[in-house]
Protein backbone atom coordinates (compact mmCIF):
# COMPACT_ATOMS: atom_id res chain seq x y z
CA MET A 1 -21.08 12.73 2.83
CA ARG A 2 -21.83 16.01 4.61
CA ARG A 3 -18.99 18.47 4.36
CA ASN A 4 -17.74 19.89 7.61
CA ARG A 5 -15.26 22.57 6.76
CA SER A 6 -15.02 24.62 9.93
CA ARG A 7 -13.48 27.93 10.82
CA PRO A 8 -11.27 27.82 13.95
CA SER A 9 -13.14 28.70 17.14
CA ALA A 10 -12.29 28.45 20.82
CA PRO A 11 -11.80 24.68 21.32
CA PRO A 12 -11.62 22.87 24.67
CA ASP A 13 -8.10 21.65 23.86
CA THR A 14 -5.65 23.20 21.41
CA ALA A 15 -2.21 22.34 20.13
CA ALA A 16 -0.08 23.57 17.28
CA VAL A 17 2.19 21.53 15.00
CA ASP A 18 3.64 21.91 11.52
CA ALA A 19 1.47 19.14 10.05
CA VAL A 20 -1.40 16.89 11.10
CA ILE A 21 -1.37 13.46 9.44
CA VAL A 22 -4.76 11.76 9.27
CA GLY A 23 -4.26 7.99 9.27
CA ALA A 24 -2.04 5.59 11.24
CA GLY A 25 -1.63 2.96 8.55
CA VAL A 26 1.72 2.35 6.92
CA VAL A 27 1.49 5.40 4.63
CA GLY A 28 0.59 7.77 7.46
CA ALA A 29 3.28 6.21 9.64
CA ALA A 30 5.89 6.64 6.91
CA CYS A 31 4.82 10.27 6.39
CA ALA A 32 5.20 10.91 10.13
CA TYR A 33 8.60 9.25 10.20
CA HIS A 34 10.01 11.18 7.23
CA ALA A 35 8.47 14.53 8.25
CA ALA A 36 9.70 14.26 11.85
CA ARG A 37 13.19 13.33 10.69
CA ALA A 38 13.11 16.38 8.43
CA GLY A 39 12.62 18.55 11.52
CA LEU A 40 8.86 19.11 11.31
CA SER A 41 6.58 18.84 14.33
CA VAL A 42 3.79 16.41 13.43
CA ALA A 43 0.72 14.83 14.97
CA VAL A 44 -0.80 11.59 13.69
CA VAL A 45 -4.54 11.17 14.29
CA ASP A 46 -6.55 8.01 13.63
CA ARG A 47 -10.00 6.96 14.77
CA GLY A 48 -8.75 3.41 15.27
CA PRO A 49 -5.55 1.59 16.22
CA VAL A 50 -2.28 1.44 14.32
CA ALA A 51 -2.81 -0.41 11.01
CA GLY A 52 -6.51 -0.74 11.77
CA GLY A 53 -7.64 -0.35 8.15
CA THR A 54 -6.20 -1.49 4.83
CA THR A 55 -2.65 -1.92 6.19
CA GLY A 56 -3.75 -4.57 8.68
CA ALA A 57 -5.32 -6.63 5.89
CA GLY A 58 -2.31 -6.39 3.58
CA GLU A 59 0.22 -9.08 2.73
CA GLY A 60 3.18 -6.70 2.97
CA ASN A 61 4.25 -6.83 -0.67
CA LEU A 62 7.07 -4.57 -1.86
CA LEU A 63 6.85 -5.12 -5.61
CA VAL A 64 8.36 -3.82 -8.80
CA SER A 65 7.39 -6.89 -10.83
CA ASP A 66 3.71 -6.02 -11.22
CA LYS A 67 4.19 -2.48 -12.52
CA GLU A 68 4.35 -1.24 -16.08
CA PRO A 69 7.10 1.31 -16.84
CA GLY A 70 5.89 4.73 -15.81
CA PRO A 71 5.39 6.94 -12.74
CA GLU A 72 4.29 4.17 -10.37
CA LEU A 73 7.29 2.01 -11.23
CA GLY A 74 9.61 4.95 -10.58
CA LEU A 75 7.98 5.38 -7.18
CA ALA A 76 8.33 1.64 -6.51
CA LEU A 77 12.03 1.59 -7.36
CA LEU A 78 12.65 4.47 -4.93
CA SER A 79 10.61 2.69 -2.25
CA THR A 80 12.54 -0.54 -2.78
CA ARG A 81 15.72 1.27 -1.79
CA LEU A 82 14.08 3.12 1.11
CA TRP A 83 12.57 -0.07 2.59
CA ARG A 84 15.97 -1.74 2.41
CA GLU A 85 17.53 1.22 4.25
CA LEU A 86 14.77 1.20 6.88
CA ALA A 87 15.26 -2.51 7.54
CA ALA A 88 18.96 -1.85 8.11
CA THR A 89 18.55 1.22 10.34
CA LEU A 90 15.51 0.56 12.52
CA PRO A 91 16.47 -0.85 15.95
CA ARG A 92 16.25 -4.58 16.56
CA GLU A 93 13.13 -4.23 18.71
CA ASP A 94 11.40 -2.61 15.72
CA ALA A 95 12.09 -5.47 13.30
CA ILE A 96 9.65 -5.28 10.37
CA GLU A 97 10.23 -8.85 9.10
CA TYR A 98 11.84 -7.53 5.93
CA GLU A 99 12.42 -10.42 3.52
CA PRO A 100 14.23 -9.77 0.21
CA LYS A 101 12.74 -13.00 -1.12
CA GLY A 102 12.29 -11.94 -4.74
CA GLY A 103 9.29 -12.48 -6.95
CA LEU A 104 8.64 -15.20 -9.50
CA VAL A 105 6.05 -14.53 -12.21
CA ILE A 106 4.77 -17.66 -13.93
CA ALA A 107 3.67 -18.07 -17.56
CA PRO A 108 1.53 -21.21 -18.06
CA ASP A 109 1.93 -21.27 -21.85
CA GLU A 110 4.01 -19.82 -24.69
CA THR A 111 1.53 -17.00 -25.40
CA ALA A 112 1.69 -15.79 -21.80
CA LEU A 113 5.47 -16.19 -21.78
CA ALA A 114 5.86 -14.01 -24.89
CA ALA A 115 3.79 -11.24 -23.28
CA LEU A 116 5.71 -11.56 -20.01
CA ARG A 117 9.03 -11.46 -21.88
CA THR A 118 8.00 -8.20 -23.58
CA LEU A 119 6.93 -6.62 -20.26
CA ALA A 120 10.18 -7.68 -18.56
CA ALA A 121 12.26 -6.13 -21.35
CA ARG A 122 10.43 -2.82 -20.91
CA GLN A 123 10.86 -3.01 -17.15
CA ARG A 124 14.59 -3.68 -17.48
CA ALA A 125 14.91 -0.54 -19.60
CA ALA A 126 13.32 1.37 -16.69
CA GLY A 127 15.78 0.03 -14.10
CA VAL A 128 14.19 -3.23 -12.94
CA THR A 129 16.28 -6.38 -12.51
CA ALA A 130 14.46 -9.20 -14.27
CA HIS A 131 15.77 -12.63 -15.30
CA GLU A 132 13.87 -14.93 -17.64
CA VAL A 133 13.81 -18.53 -16.42
CA GLY A 134 12.96 -21.67 -18.34
CA PRO A 135 10.86 -24.62 -17.13
CA SER A 136 13.77 -26.47 -15.49
CA GLN A 137 14.99 -23.30 -13.77
CA LEU A 138 11.48 -22.68 -12.45
CA HIS A 139 11.61 -25.86 -10.42
CA ALA A 140 15.10 -25.10 -9.16
CA LEU A 141 13.70 -21.86 -7.73
CA GLU A 142 10.39 -23.38 -6.57
CA PRO A 143 10.51 -27.19 -6.37
CA ARG A 144 6.80 -27.57 -5.60
CA LEU A 145 5.53 -25.78 -8.71
CA ALA A 146 3.24 -27.72 -11.04
CA PRO A 147 4.84 -29.44 -14.04
CA GLY A 148 4.31 -28.29 -17.60
CA LEU A 149 4.69 -24.54 -17.09
CA ALA A 150 6.21 -22.62 -20.00
CA GLY A 151 8.57 -20.46 -17.94
CA GLY A 152 8.65 -17.21 -16.04
CA VAL A 153 10.61 -14.19 -14.90
CA HIS A 154 12.50 -13.84 -11.62
CA TYR A 155 12.48 -10.37 -9.99
CA PRO A 156 15.09 -10.29 -7.19
CA GLN A 157 14.10 -6.75 -6.10
CA ASP A 158 10.67 -7.88 -4.87
CA ALA A 159 10.47 -8.17 -1.09
CA GLN A 160 8.03 -8.39 1.80
CA VAL A 161 7.47 -6.86 5.24
CA GLN A 162 4.96 -7.59 7.98
CA PRO A 163 2.69 -4.55 7.39
CA ALA A 164 1.27 -3.98 10.88
CA ARG A 165 4.72 -4.32 12.44
CA ALA A 166 6.15 -1.96 9.84
CA ALA A 167 3.53 0.70 10.57
CA ALA A 168 4.04 0.37 14.32
CA ALA A 169 7.83 0.53 13.97
CA LEU A 170 7.68 3.67 11.84
CA LEU A 171 5.33 5.35 14.32
CA ARG A 172 7.58 4.47 17.24
CA ALA A 173 10.54 5.93 15.36
CA ALA A 174 8.48 9.06 14.58
CA ARG A 175 7.60 9.38 18.26
CA ARG A 176 11.27 9.20 19.18
CA ALA A 177 11.77 12.12 16.77
CA GLY A 178 9.05 14.10 18.56
CA ALA A 179 5.81 13.12 16.80
CA ASP A 180 2.52 13.09 18.71
CA VAL A 181 0.40 10.00 17.94
CA ARG A 182 -3.30 10.12 18.84
CA LEU A 183 -5.17 6.84 18.37
CA GLY A 184 -8.89 6.30 18.85
CA GLU A 185 -9.50 9.96 17.96
CA GLU A 186 -11.60 10.71 14.89
CA VAL A 187 -11.14 13.80 12.75
CA THR A 188 -14.59 15.37 12.54
CA ALA A 189 -13.70 18.57 10.66
CA VAL A 190 -10.91 20.20 8.72
CA LEU A 191 -10.38 23.76 9.95
CA THR A 192 -9.88 26.57 7.45
CA GLY A 193 -9.22 30.28 7.71
CA PRO A 194 -10.94 33.22 5.99
CA ASP A 195 -8.75 32.66 2.93
CA GLY A 196 -9.87 29.03 2.62
CA ALA A 197 -6.47 27.66 3.62
CA VAL A 198 -6.15 24.76 6.03
CA ARG A 199 -5.64 25.66 9.68
CA GLY A 200 -5.79 22.19 11.27
CA VAL A 201 -8.38 19.59 12.28
CA ARG A 202 -11.05 19.12 14.91
CA THR A 203 -11.49 15.95 16.97
CA PRO A 204 -13.65 15.18 20.01
CA ARG A 205 -10.66 16.12 22.17
CA GLY A 206 -10.42 19.57 20.61
CA ASP A 207 -8.62 21.35 17.82
CA LEU A 208 -5.17 20.62 16.45
CA HIS A 209 -3.87 23.68 14.65
CA ALA A 210 -1.45 23.28 11.75
CA PRO A 211 -0.79 24.97 8.43
CA ALA A 212 -0.79 21.58 6.73
CA VAL A 213 -3.02 18.50 6.89
CA VAL A 214 -1.92 15.25 5.22
CA ASN A 215 -4.74 12.95 4.10
CA ALA A 216 -3.30 9.46 4.61
CA ALA A 217 -6.66 7.83 5.30
CA GLY A 218 -6.32 5.09 2.68
CA THR A 219 -9.65 3.77 1.47
CA TRP A 220 -11.37 6.50 3.46
CA GLY A 221 -9.30 9.25 1.83
CA GLY A 222 -12.31 10.52 -0.10
CA GLN A 223 -14.14 11.17 3.15
CA VAL A 224 -11.26 13.21 4.57
CA ALA A 225 -11.08 15.18 1.31
CA ALA A 226 -14.79 15.92 1.63
CA LEU A 227 -14.24 17.28 5.15
CA ALA A 228 -11.87 19.79 3.54
CA GLY A 229 -14.49 20.73 0.95
CA THR A 230 -12.94 19.00 -2.04
CA ARG A 231 -13.27 15.75 -3.98
CA LEU A 232 -11.00 12.76 -4.34
CA PRO A 233 -12.74 9.75 -5.98
CA VAL A 234 -11.24 6.99 -3.80
CA MET A 235 -13.33 3.81 -3.91
CA PRO A 236 -12.92 0.54 -1.98
CA ARG A 237 -11.84 -2.52 -3.98
CA ARG A 238 -12.35 -5.65 -1.89
CA GLY A 239 -9.86 -8.48 -1.80
CA PHE A 240 -9.75 -11.82 0.05
CA VAL A 241 -6.76 -13.74 1.38
CA LEU A 242 -6.61 -17.39 2.46
CA VAL A 243 -4.20 -18.35 5.24
CA THR A 244 -2.94 -21.93 5.56
CA GLU A 245 -1.74 -23.89 8.53
CA PRO A 246 1.97 -23.42 9.32
CA LEU A 247 4.18 -25.18 6.80
CA PRO A 248 7.89 -26.08 6.82
CA PRO A 249 10.39 -23.33 5.98
CA GLY A 250 10.91 -22.97 2.25
CA PHE A 251 7.59 -24.56 1.26
CA VAL A 252 7.16 -21.48 -0.96
CA ARG A 253 10.42 -19.58 -1.36
CA HIS A 254 9.38 -16.47 -3.32
CA LYS A 255 6.33 -14.38 -3.94
CA VAL A 256 4.89 -16.46 -6.78
CA TYR A 257 2.08 -15.35 -9.02
CA ALA A 258 0.63 -16.01 -12.45
CA ALA A 259 1.28 -13.51 -15.23
CA ASP A 260 -2.42 -12.59 -15.50
CA TYR A 261 -2.16 -10.94 -12.07
CA VAL A 262 -0.57 -7.88 -13.72
CA ALA A 263 -3.62 -7.44 -15.98
CA ASP A 264 -5.99 -7.79 -12.99
CA VAL A 265 -4.12 -5.06 -11.11
CA ALA A 266 -4.47 -2.70 -14.07
CA SER A 267 -8.12 -3.52 -14.76
CA GLY A 268 -10.87 -1.05 -13.97
CA SER A 269 -13.59 -3.71 -13.85
CA ALA A 270 -15.90 -3.81 -10.83
CA ASP A 271 -16.52 -7.56 -11.30
CA LEU A 272 -14.82 -10.31 -9.31
CA GLN A 273 -11.35 -11.06 -10.67
CA SER A 274 -8.90 -13.61 -9.33
CA SER A 275 -5.36 -14.65 -10.13
CA PRO A 276 -3.13 -16.91 -8.02
CA VAL A 277 -0.63 -15.20 -5.71
CA VAL A 278 1.16 -17.49 -3.27
CA GLU A 279 3.83 -16.64 -0.70
CA GLY A 280 5.22 -17.95 2.55
CA THR A 281 5.73 -16.05 5.81
CA PRO A 282 8.44 -16.26 8.50
CA ALA A 283 5.88 -17.76 10.91
CA GLY A 284 5.07 -20.65 8.55
CA PRO A 285 1.57 -20.01 7.13
CA VAL A 286 1.26 -19.48 3.40
CA LEU A 287 -0.83 -16.55 2.17
CA ILE A 288 -2.99 -17.09 -0.91
CA GLY A 289 -4.51 -14.23 -2.91
CA ALA A 290 -5.60 -12.34 -4.86
CA THR A 291 -9.13 -11.25 -5.67
CA ARG A 292 -10.42 -7.84 -6.69
CA GLU A 293 -13.98 -6.53 -6.89
CA ARG A 294 -15.81 -3.28 -6.21
CA VAL A 295 -18.70 -3.98 -3.85
CA GLY A 296 -18.46 -0.98 -1.54
CA PHE A 297 -17.50 -1.76 2.04
CA ASP A 298 -19.33 -5.11 2.06
CA ARG A 299 -17.43 -7.56 4.30
CA THR A 300 -19.67 -10.55 3.53
CA LEU A 301 -17.61 -13.70 3.04
CA SER A 302 -17.62 -14.69 -0.64
CA THR A 303 -17.42 -18.47 -1.03
CA GLU A 304 -17.00 -18.01 -4.80
CA ALA A 305 -13.93 -15.82 -4.25
CA LEU A 306 -12.40 -18.28 -1.76
CA HIS A 307 -13.05 -21.28 -4.01
CA ARG A 308 -11.35 -19.50 -6.89
CA LEU A 309 -8.34 -18.68 -4.73
CA ALA A 310 -7.97 -22.25 -3.51
CA ALA A 311 -8.41 -23.84 -6.95
CA ARG A 312 -5.94 -21.56 -8.72
CA ALA A 313 -3.35 -21.84 -5.95
CA VAL A 314 -3.53 -25.65 -6.12
CA ALA A 315 -3.14 -25.48 -9.91
CA LEU A 316 0.11 -23.57 -9.35
CA PHE A 317 1.31 -25.59 -6.32
CA PRO A 318 -0.36 -29.06 -6.34
CA ALA A 319 1.06 -29.85 -2.89
CA LEU A 320 -1.31 -27.25 -1.42
CA GLU A 321 -4.22 -29.60 -2.08
CA ARG A 322 -3.24 -31.51 1.08
CA VAL A 323 -2.85 -28.35 3.19
CA ARG A 324 -5.56 -26.95 5.46
CA ALA A 325 -6.72 -23.35 5.12
CA VAL A 326 -7.25 -22.16 8.68
CA ARG A 327 -8.79 -18.76 8.06
CA ALA A 328 -9.75 -16.17 5.47
CA TYR A 329 -10.05 -12.42 5.68
CA CYS A 330 -10.78 -9.45 3.46
CA GLY A 331 -9.61 -5.88 3.13
CA PHE A 332 -10.38 -2.86 1.00
CA ARG A 333 -7.82 -1.44 -1.39
CA PRO A 334 -8.09 2.35 -1.99
CA TYR A 335 -8.81 2.46 -5.71
CA LEU A 336 -8.50 5.55 -7.91
CA PRO A 337 -9.74 5.43 -11.53
CA ASP A 338 -6.33 5.82 -13.18
CA HIS A 339 -4.57 3.37 -10.81
CA LEU A 340 -2.13 6.00 -9.55
CA PRO A 341 -2.10 7.34 -5.99
CA ALA A 342 -2.86 10.96 -5.10
CA ILE A 343 0.28 12.42 -3.55
CA GLY A 344 1.18 15.98 -2.67
CA PRO A 345 -0.47 19.39 -2.24
CA ASP A 346 -4.04 19.97 -3.36
CA PRO A 347 -4.17 23.38 -5.08
CA ARG A 348 -7.92 23.56 -4.49
CA VAL A 349 -7.42 23.74 -0.71
CA PRO A 350 -4.14 25.43 0.27
CA GLY A 351 -2.38 23.46 3.01
CA LEU A 352 -4.15 20.16 2.23
CA HIS A 353 -1.84 17.35 1.09
CA HIS A 354 -2.86 13.86 0.00
CA ALA A 355 -1.11 10.51 0.41
CA CYS A 356 -3.71 7.92 -0.50
CA GLY A 357 -5.28 5.95 -3.34
CA HIS A 358 -2.46 3.42 -3.77
CA GLU A 359 -4.85 0.49 -4.23
CA GLY A 360 -2.88 -2.69 -3.46
CA ALA A 361 0.54 -1.03 -3.53
CA GLY A 362 0.34 1.22 -0.46
CA ILE A 363 2.70 -0.81 1.70
CA GLY A 364 5.29 -1.06 -1.02
CA LEU A 365 5.02 2.61 -2.00
CA ALA A 366 4.78 4.06 1.53
CA PRO A 367 8.37 5.32 1.99
CA ALA A 368 8.57 6.98 -1.42
CA THR A 369 5.13 8.52 -0.89
CA ALA A 370 6.35 9.89 2.44
CA ALA A 371 9.47 11.30 0.78
CA LEU A 372 7.31 13.12 -1.79
CA VAL A 373 4.96 14.47 0.89
CA THR A 374 7.85 15.61 3.07
CA ALA A 375 9.40 17.41 0.10
CA SER A 376 6.12 19.25 -0.52
CA LEU A 377 5.85 20.18 3.18
CA THR A 378 9.40 21.52 3.38
CA GLY A 379 9.73 22.99 -0.10
CA ALA A 380 12.51 20.58 -1.02
CA GLU A 381 13.08 19.12 -4.46
CA PRO A 382 10.91 16.00 -4.91
CA PRO A 383 12.86 12.73 -5.23
CA VAL A 384 10.80 11.69 -8.26
CA PRO A 385 8.56 13.75 -10.58
CA ALA A 386 5.42 14.63 -8.62
CA ALA A 387 3.14 15.82 -11.44
CA PRO A 388 1.63 12.39 -12.34
CA PHE A 389 0.26 12.10 -8.78
CA ARG A 390 -1.42 15.53 -8.59
CA PRO A 391 -4.58 15.19 -6.46
CA ASP A 392 -6.57 17.63 -8.61
CA ARG A 393 -6.14 15.61 -11.82
CA PHE A 394 -9.68 14.22 -11.44
CA THR A 395 -11.29 17.69 -11.60
CA THR A 396 -13.79 17.87 -14.46
């Protein structure tokens, strides 16, 4: 991609804010919300609509269950608390469909159960609430599960939001705190001064001057980094979701997935991977995932991926065999090679901050990411250690 790192000139339209946030998905919206509430003047710029990229294709998962102990789990535990607080404080008209439904991870056999038991013990030591459940307890929690399963682990901290509604609600709240939101306006250049430090961005409407630019462009975060003259190796990782016809309330009560899903999340393979992830929604349809593959930005419908999703979901919930799938869609997770997001200031370009590369966890990690970014913008103490997320860690 051609770099376009421009020095400020006389633009047709100028404005000045403390920070420009590039991206109106849930991470950018959360950054705007937290920064505005911290007293910063911010502008959010996106070439599309609210939640027009990865956020709009997400299932809205807020998970601790799928994370190994380490920096990402610490971020997830903070986000779990922040999402709960947001659901309680946002006005009724900005309801985000927050559901503290809990997660249920299924082990089909004793070997898988032993591995899951070991992971859960390590997670508990890191602050996660996790309860092992036997075969009979499984069916008390989820009556429609297949028979013969070895057991599982219940994670009551797992929850769900409606991602597009959450992004829109956070942006409306940021606007009430003074944020400027510019949709349908593409950033074409990152402006820098003689010292190489960020001075704002350029769009077709003109220049937006700011001493800080936050790259919250999700899967396209590498392109925004390139505009600033630096490198962030974000790659798209495609995933498909099947959506069923509306089903009765409680058809699936939790977020339910097979234990091999955790290994798929952590894998660096570019090949097609699938593991059953099944969850209900307040509107009635059941969402069925999850696949992962690196095929660039190819949106071609993969019948192999959809057949795998359907077959593995039916193996977990046999009653789904009689249910119609009414549509399928895909999205692109922003993948970084070490499976950790890039969050915070980029020392290679003073004034450039990153908040992207969360892969499939961006919705869940959005509030904690925003808290870290806001701390870096204001000079406050970060709420969790920031070093593991340094954007320049990929420099060779």
